[in-house]
Amino acid sequence: MSGLVDAIGEFIRSQNFGWNNVLDILIVAVFVYYLLKLIRGTRAVQLLIGVLVLAAIYGIAVRLQLTLTAGFLQAVSVVAAFGIVVIFQPELRRALGQLGRLGPLNRLLTPTNEVEQDKIVDELVRASIMISAAKHGALIAVERATGLQDYSETGVPVNGRLTAELLASIFMVRSPLHDGAVIVRGTQIVAAACLLPLEEVPERAAHRYGMRHRAALSISAQTDAIVVVVSEETAAISIASNGRIISGLDEERLRRVLSSLLSSRVQPLPFRSKSA
C-alpha cells in the first residue's frame, strides 16, 4: 500500500499539473466510485478487502526488505490475477451489462408509445390485483432494452396477447405453468414457467426474501427488466428494478410506479422496502 502511495506521489511530481491531469484523476475517481457501488452488499467486498490486505503486506515486506515474503507474494499475485477474474465473474458480467445499457438512447432505439404503455400498465395492474386477491403467487418480468430471450427459452412458449385474465390463469395454483416466471415483451406474453437466476443477491436479501423476490432482485440487477412479484404467503405486491425492490404496493401506487418506470422518465427505485 505504501508503494502505491509513493507511486502516486512520484506521478504527481513528475507531471506538469494541468486540466488534463484533473480530468485523468476525475475519471479514475468516478471509476473507483462506481466499482465500489457495484460490489456493495456482495461477497466481492470481503474478497476485495482480502486483496488489499495482501497488497499491504507486500508493501511492508518490500519496505522491510523481507525478500522471501515479497517473492512469495509476487508468485501468488500471478495466480491471483487469473483467480480474481473467475471469482469476480458475476460482478464483471453485471458491470459490462450496465455499461451496455445506453439509458435514454435505449429508449430512442426501442420506443414504446403511450397507448401501448398504458395498455401494459393496465393489464399488469389488473392481473396483480386479481392474483393477490386469490392469494396466488406471481413473478412477471417485463422486457425492456435488454433482451430476455435466454430466460424465455427455459420456459414454455405462450406468444399470447397480454391480458390480465391470461396472466391470472397462468398463475393459478393448479396451472402447470404457475411455477416460474412469465416474460412479457411489449403487449405480448412471450413465455411462462421460465427460470430466472438467483445469483447476485445480497446476503441480507437472501435471508429476508423468498425465491420469487430473490429471482426478481437478481434479474433486475443483471438487466433493465421491470419485475412484478406477488407473494403467495402475504398477497403483497412488489416491484423490482435496477436491483432494488419496493413492496406493499396498493393499486394506485402500483400503477404510478409502473407508469414511471415504463415511461421516458425512468428512475431507479428509491429504496428496498422493509416489508416482504
Protein backbone atom coordinates (compact mmCIF):
# COMPACT_ATOMS: atom_id res chain seq x y z
CA MET A 1 0.00 0.00 0.00
CA SER A 2 2.88 2.35 0.81
CA GLY A 3 4.36 1.54 -2.61
CA LEU A 4 1.11 2.67 -4.23
CA VAL A 5 1.19 5.95 -2.29
CA ASP A 6 4.82 6.52 -3.32
CA ALA A 7 3.95 5.78 -6.96
CA ILE A 8 1.08 8.28 -6.88
CA GLY A 9 3.33 10.90 -5.28
CA GLU A 10 6.03 10.30 -7.91
CA PHE A 11 3.43 10.56 -10.66
CA ILE A 12 2.21 13.93 -9.36
CA ARG A 13 5.76 15.29 -9.00
CA SER A 14 6.75 14.20 -12.50
CA GLN A 15 3.77 15.86 -14.18
CA ASN A 16 3.12 19.42 -15.22
CA PHE A 17 -0.19 19.55 -13.46
CA GLY A 18 -2.89 20.83 -15.82
CA TRP A 19 -6.52 20.37 -16.76
CA ASN A 20 -5.80 17.01 -18.40
CA ASN A 21 -4.40 15.71 -15.09
CA VAL A 22 -7.53 16.86 -13.26
CA LEU A 23 -9.65 15.09 -15.86
CA ASP A 24 -7.49 11.98 -15.50
CA ILE A 25 -7.97 11.93 -11.72
CA LEU A 26 -11.72 12.55 -12.05
CA ILE A 27 -12.12 9.63 -14.47
CA VAL A 28 -10.27 7.28 -12.13
CA ALA A 29 -12.25 8.57 -9.11
CA VAL A 30 -15.57 8.03 -10.89
CA PHE A 31 -14.46 4.55 -11.97
CA VAL A 32 -13.47 3.60 -8.41
CA TYR A 33 -16.73 5.05 -7.03
CA TYR A 34 -18.91 3.04 -9.40
CA LEU A 35 -16.79 -0.07 -8.83
CA LEU A 36 -17.36 0.19 -5.07
CA LYS A 37 -21.05 0.93 -5.64
CA LEU A 38 -21.33 -2.11 -7.90
CA ILE A 39 -19.87 -4.56 -5.39
CA ARG A 40 -21.51 -3.05 -2.31
CA GLY A 41 -23.51 -5.67 -0.43
CA THR A 42 -21.97 -8.60 -2.32
CA ARG A 43 -19.35 -11.18 -1.37
CA ALA A 44 -16.89 -9.29 -3.57
CA VAL A 45 -16.43 -6.76 -0.75
CA GLN A 46 -14.77 -9.33 1.51
CA LEU A 47 -12.63 -10.57 -1.39
CA LEU A 48 -11.55 -7.03 -2.21
CA ILE A 49 -10.57 -6.44 1.43
CA GLY A 50 -8.50 -9.64 1.31
CA VAL A 51 -6.69 -8.43 -1.82
CA LEU A 52 -5.97 -5.05 -0.18
CA VAL A 53 -4.61 -6.79 2.94
CA LEU A 54 -2.23 -8.89 0.81
CA ALA A 55 -1.14 -5.76 -1.07
CA ALA A 56 -0.44 -4.01 2.23
CA ILE A 57 1.61 -6.99 3.48
CA TYR A 58 3.57 -6.96 0.21
CA GLY A 59 4.30 -3.24 0.58
CA ILE A 60 5.54 -3.77 4.14
CA ALA A 61 7.66 -6.73 3.03
CA VAL A 62 9.33 -4.66 0.30
CA ARG A 63 9.94 -1.74 2.67
CA LEU A 64 11.49 -4.02 5.33
CA GLN A 65 13.40 -5.99 2.68
CA LEU A 66 11.71 -9.29 3.54
CA THR A 67 12.88 -10.95 0.35
CA LEU A 68 11.29 -14.35 0.84
CA THR A 69 7.89 -12.92 1.80
CA ALA A 70 7.91 -10.43 -1.08
CA GLY A 71 8.93 -13.12 -3.58
CA PHE A 72 6.21 -15.47 -2.34
CA LEU A 73 3.55 -12.76 -2.62
CA GLN A 74 4.75 -11.89 -6.14
CA ALA A 75 4.31 -15.52 -7.16
CA VAL A 76 0.85 -15.62 -5.55
CA SER A 77 -0.17 -12.40 -7.33
CA VAL A 78 0.39 -14.02 -10.76
CA VAL A 79 -2.05 -16.81 -9.90
CA ALA A 80 -4.40 -14.39 -8.15
CA ALA A 81 -4.62 -12.22 -11.28
CA PHE A 82 -6.36 -15.10 -13.07
CA GLY A 83 -8.29 -16.16 -9.97
CA ILE A 84 -9.78 -12.69 -9.50
CA VAL A 85 -11.31 -12.83 -12.99
CA VAL A 86 -13.04 -16.10 -12.08
CA ILE A 87 -14.06 -15.04 -8.57
CA PHE A 88 -15.41 -11.66 -9.68
CA GLN A 89 -17.07 -13.07 -12.81
CA PRO A 90 -20.67 -12.25 -11.71
CA GLU A 91 -19.70 -8.68 -10.79
CA LEU A 92 -17.75 -8.21 -14.03
CA ARG A 93 -20.67 -9.53 -16.06
CA ARG A 94 -23.06 -7.19 -14.29
CA ALA A 95 -20.70 -4.23 -14.78
CA LEU A 96 -20.39 -4.88 -18.52
CA GLY A 97 -24.15 -5.34 -18.74
CA GLN A 98 -24.73 -1.99 -17.08
CA LEU A 99 -22.24 -0.33 -19.44
CA GLY A 100 -24.24 -1.77 -22.29
CA ARG A 101 -27.39 -0.03 -21.10
CA LEU A 102 -27.45 3.19 -23.04
CA GLY A 103 -30.00 4.94 -20.84
CA PRO A 104 -32.06 7.49 -22.82
CA LEU A 105 -30.57 6.22 -26.11
CA ASN A 106 -32.03 2.78 -25.42
CA ARG A 107 -35.49 4.30 -25.16
CA LEU A 108 -34.95 6.05 -28.52
CA LEU A 109 -33.90 2.76 -30.10
CA THR A 110 -36.80 0.82 -28.56
CA PRO A 111 -39.61 3.34 -28.15
CA THR A 112 -42.93 2.48 -26.53
CA ASN A 113 -45.87 4.67 -27.49
CA GLU A 114 -48.14 5.98 -24.75
CA VAL A 115 -51.16 3.91 -25.81
CA GLU A 116 -49.15 0.69 -25.68
CA GLN A 117 -47.56 1.72 -22.38
CA ASP A 118 -50.95 2.43 -20.81
CA LYS A 119 -52.20 -0.94 -22.05
CA ILE A 120 -49.24 -2.76 -20.47
CA VAL A 121 -49.63 -0.93 -17.17
CA ASP A 122 -53.39 -1.50 -17.05
CA GLU A 123 -53.13 -5.25 -17.72
CA LEU A 124 -50.26 -5.73 -15.25
CA VAL A 125 -52.09 -3.83 -12.52
CA ARG A 126 -55.35 -5.70 -13.06
CA ALA A 127 -53.53 -9.04 -13.14
CA SER A 128 -51.59 -8.25 -9.94
CA ILE A 129 -54.77 -7.29 -8.09
CA MET A 130 -56.58 -10.43 -9.29
CA ILE A 131 -53.69 -12.72 -8.34
CA SER A 132 -53.24 -11.02 -4.97
CA ALA A 133 -56.97 -11.31 -4.19
CA ALA A 134 -56.83 -15.04 -5.00
CA LYS A 135 -53.71 -15.37 -2.78
CA HIS A 136 -51.68 -16.90 -5.58
CA GLY A 137 -48.02 -16.13 -6.21
CA ALA A 138 -46.72 -14.46 -9.38
CA LEU A 139 -43.44 -13.44 -10.99
CA ILE A 140 -43.72 -11.29 -14.13
CA ALA A 141 -40.63 -9.89 -15.88
CA VAL A 142 -41.28 -7.05 -18.34
CA GLU A 143 -38.57 -6.90 -21.00
CA ARG A 144 -37.18 -3.52 -21.99
CA ALA A 145 -33.96 -2.75 -23.92
CA THR A 146 -32.05 -5.76 -22.57
CA GLY A 147 -33.38 -8.90 -24.22
CA LEU A 148 -34.65 -11.76 -22.05
CA GLN A 149 -34.62 -14.36 -24.81
CA ASP A 150 -32.18 -16.60 -22.92
CA TYR A 151 -34.60 -16.81 -20.00
CA SER A 152 -37.75 -17.17 -22.10
CA GLU A 153 -36.20 -20.21 -23.80
CA THR A 154 -36.10 -22.01 -20.42
CA GLY A 155 -39.91 -21.88 -20.20
CA VAL A 156 -42.95 -22.79 -22.25
CA PRO A 157 -43.73 -20.56 -25.27
CA VAL A 158 -47.05 -18.72 -24.96
CA ASN A 159 -46.87 -15.91 -27.56
CA GLY A 160 -50.28 -14.66 -26.49
CA ARG A 161 -51.73 -11.18 -26.15
CA LEU A 162 -51.06 -9.60 -22.78
CA THR A 163 -54.27 -9.67 -20.74
CA ALA A 164 -54.89 -9.71 -17.01
CA GLU A 165 -57.12 -12.77 -17.34
CA LEU A 166 -54.42 -14.79 -19.13
CA LEU A 167 -51.80 -13.84 -16.54
CA ALA A 168 -54.13 -14.71 -13.69
CA SER A 169 -54.91 -18.10 -15.22
CA ILE A 170 -51.21 -18.89 -15.70
CA PHE A 171 -50.52 -18.32 -12.01
CA MET A 172 -53.44 -20.34 -10.70
CA VAL A 173 -52.14 -22.97 -8.27
CA ARG A 174 -53.42 -25.86 -10.40
CA SER A 175 -51.93 -24.46 -13.61
CA PRO A 176 -48.91 -26.42 -14.87
CA LEU A 177 -47.25 -23.10 -15.76
CA HIS A 178 -47.63 -21.33 -12.41
CA ASP A 179 -44.24 -22.37 -11.01
CA GLY A 180 -41.81 -19.98 -12.66
CA ALA A 181 -41.71 -16.55 -14.27
CA VAL A 182 -43.68 -15.05 -17.11
CA ILE A 183 -41.74 -12.99 -19.67
CA VAL A 184 -43.63 -10.05 -21.16
CA ARG A 185 -42.41 -8.24 -24.27
CA GLY A 186 -44.48 -5.22 -25.18
CA THR A 187 -48.13 -6.28 -25.29
CA GLN A 188 -47.26 -9.96 -25.69
CA ILE A 189 -46.72 -12.74 -23.17
CA VAL A 190 -43.68 -14.49 -24.64
CA ALA A 191 -43.29 -17.47 -22.31
CA ALA A 192 -44.31 -18.88 -18.92
CA ALA A 193 -42.70 -21.19 -16.35
CA CYS A 194 -39.33 -19.56 -17.08
CA LEU A 195 -36.28 -19.97 -14.84
CA LEU A 196 -34.69 -16.75 -13.59
CA PRO A 197 -31.24 -16.55 -11.97
CA LEU A 198 -30.85 -16.41 -8.19
CA GLU A 199 -27.28 -15.13 -8.13
CA GLU A 200 -26.03 -11.62 -7.32
CA VAL A 201 -28.48 -11.22 -4.45
CA PRO A 202 -27.03 -9.56 -1.31
CA GLU A 203 -26.77 -11.94 1.64
CA ARG A 204 -29.20 -9.92 3.76
CA ALA A 205 -31.80 -10.07 0.97
CA ALA A 206 -31.28 -13.81 0.54
CA HIS A 207 -32.38 -14.37 4.14
CA ARG A 208 -35.20 -11.85 4.02
CA TYR A 209 -36.98 -12.72 0.78
CA GLY A 210 -38.46 -15.83 -0.76
CA MET A 211 -37.48 -17.41 -4.06
CA ARG A 212 -39.67 -15.17 -6.22
CA HIS A 213 -38.38 -11.95 -4.66
CA ARG A 214 -34.75 -13.11 -4.89
CA ALA A 215 -35.20 -14.01 -8.55
CA ALA A 216 -36.78 -10.60 -9.17
CA LEU A 217 -33.85 -8.82 -7.49
CA SER A 218 -31.32 -10.87 -9.44
CA ILE A 219 -32.80 -10.43 -12.93
CA SER A 220 -33.44 -6.71 -12.35
CA ALA A 221 -29.80 -6.29 -11.27
CA GLN A 222 -28.48 -8.08 -14.37
CA THR A 223 -30.86 -6.46 -16.87
CA ASP A 224 -33.10 -3.39 -17.14
CA ALA A 225 -36.24 -5.51 -16.79
CA ILE A 226 -39.10 -4.43 -14.51
CA VAL A 227 -40.33 -7.33 -12.40
CA VAL A 228 -43.72 -7.57 -10.69
CA VAL A 229 -43.92 -10.00 -7.79
CA VAL A 230 -46.99 -11.18 -5.89
CA SER A 231 -46.29 -13.03 -2.65
CA GLU A 232 -48.19 -16.28 -2.23
CA GLU A 233 -47.82 -16.09 1.57
CA THR A 234 -48.82 -12.45 2.21
CA ALA A 235 -50.53 -11.48 -1.09
CA ALA A 236 -48.29 -8.37 -1.07
CA ILE A 237 -47.42 -6.83 -4.44
CA SER A 238 -43.84 -5.73 -5.13
CA ILE A 239 -41.83 -4.26 -7.99
CA ALA A 240 -38.12 -4.86 -8.59
CA SER A 241 -35.97 -2.65 -10.82
CA ASN A 242 -32.25 -1.98 -11.02
CA GLY A 243 -31.53 -4.48 -8.24
CA ARG A 244 -33.92 -2.77 -5.82
CA ILE A 245 -37.37 -3.75 -4.63
CA ILE A 246 -40.35 -1.91 -3.19
CA SER A 247 -43.12 -3.91 -1.54
CA GLY A 248 -46.59 -3.44 -0.12
CA LEU A 249 -47.98 -1.64 -3.15
CA ASP A 250 -51.68 -0.94 -3.45
CA GLU A 251 -53.39 -0.50 -6.82
CA GLU A 252 -52.77 3.25 -7.07
CA ARG A 253 -49.09 3.10 -6.13
CA LEU A 254 -48.52 0.06 -8.33
CA ARG A 255 -49.95 1.91 -11.33
CA ARG A 256 -47.91 5.02 -10.57
CA VAL A 257 -44.60 3.16 -10.17
CA LEU A 258 -45.13 1.03 -13.27
CA SER A 259 -46.04 4.07 -15.37
CA SER A 260 -42.96 5.93 -14.15
CA LEU A 261 -40.59 3.03 -14.85
CA LEU A 262 -42.01 2.32 -18.31
CA SER A 263 -42.05 5.96 -19.37
CA SER A 264 -39.16 8.10 -20.58
CA ARG A 265 -38.76 9.38 -17.01
CA VAL A 266 -37.35 6.05 -15.84
CA GLN A 267 -35.70 6.34 -12.44
CA PRO A 268 -34.32 3.60 -10.18
CA LEU A 269 -36.45 2.61 -7.25
CA PRO A 270 -35.57 4.81 -4.26
CA PHE A 271 -35.23 2.08 -1.61
CA ARG A 272 -35.64 -1.52 -0.64
CA SER A 273 -38.87 -1.87 1.26
CA LYS A 274 -38.76 -3.41 4.72
CA SER A 275 -41.88 -5.41 4.07
CA ALA A 276 -41.62 -8.57 2.04
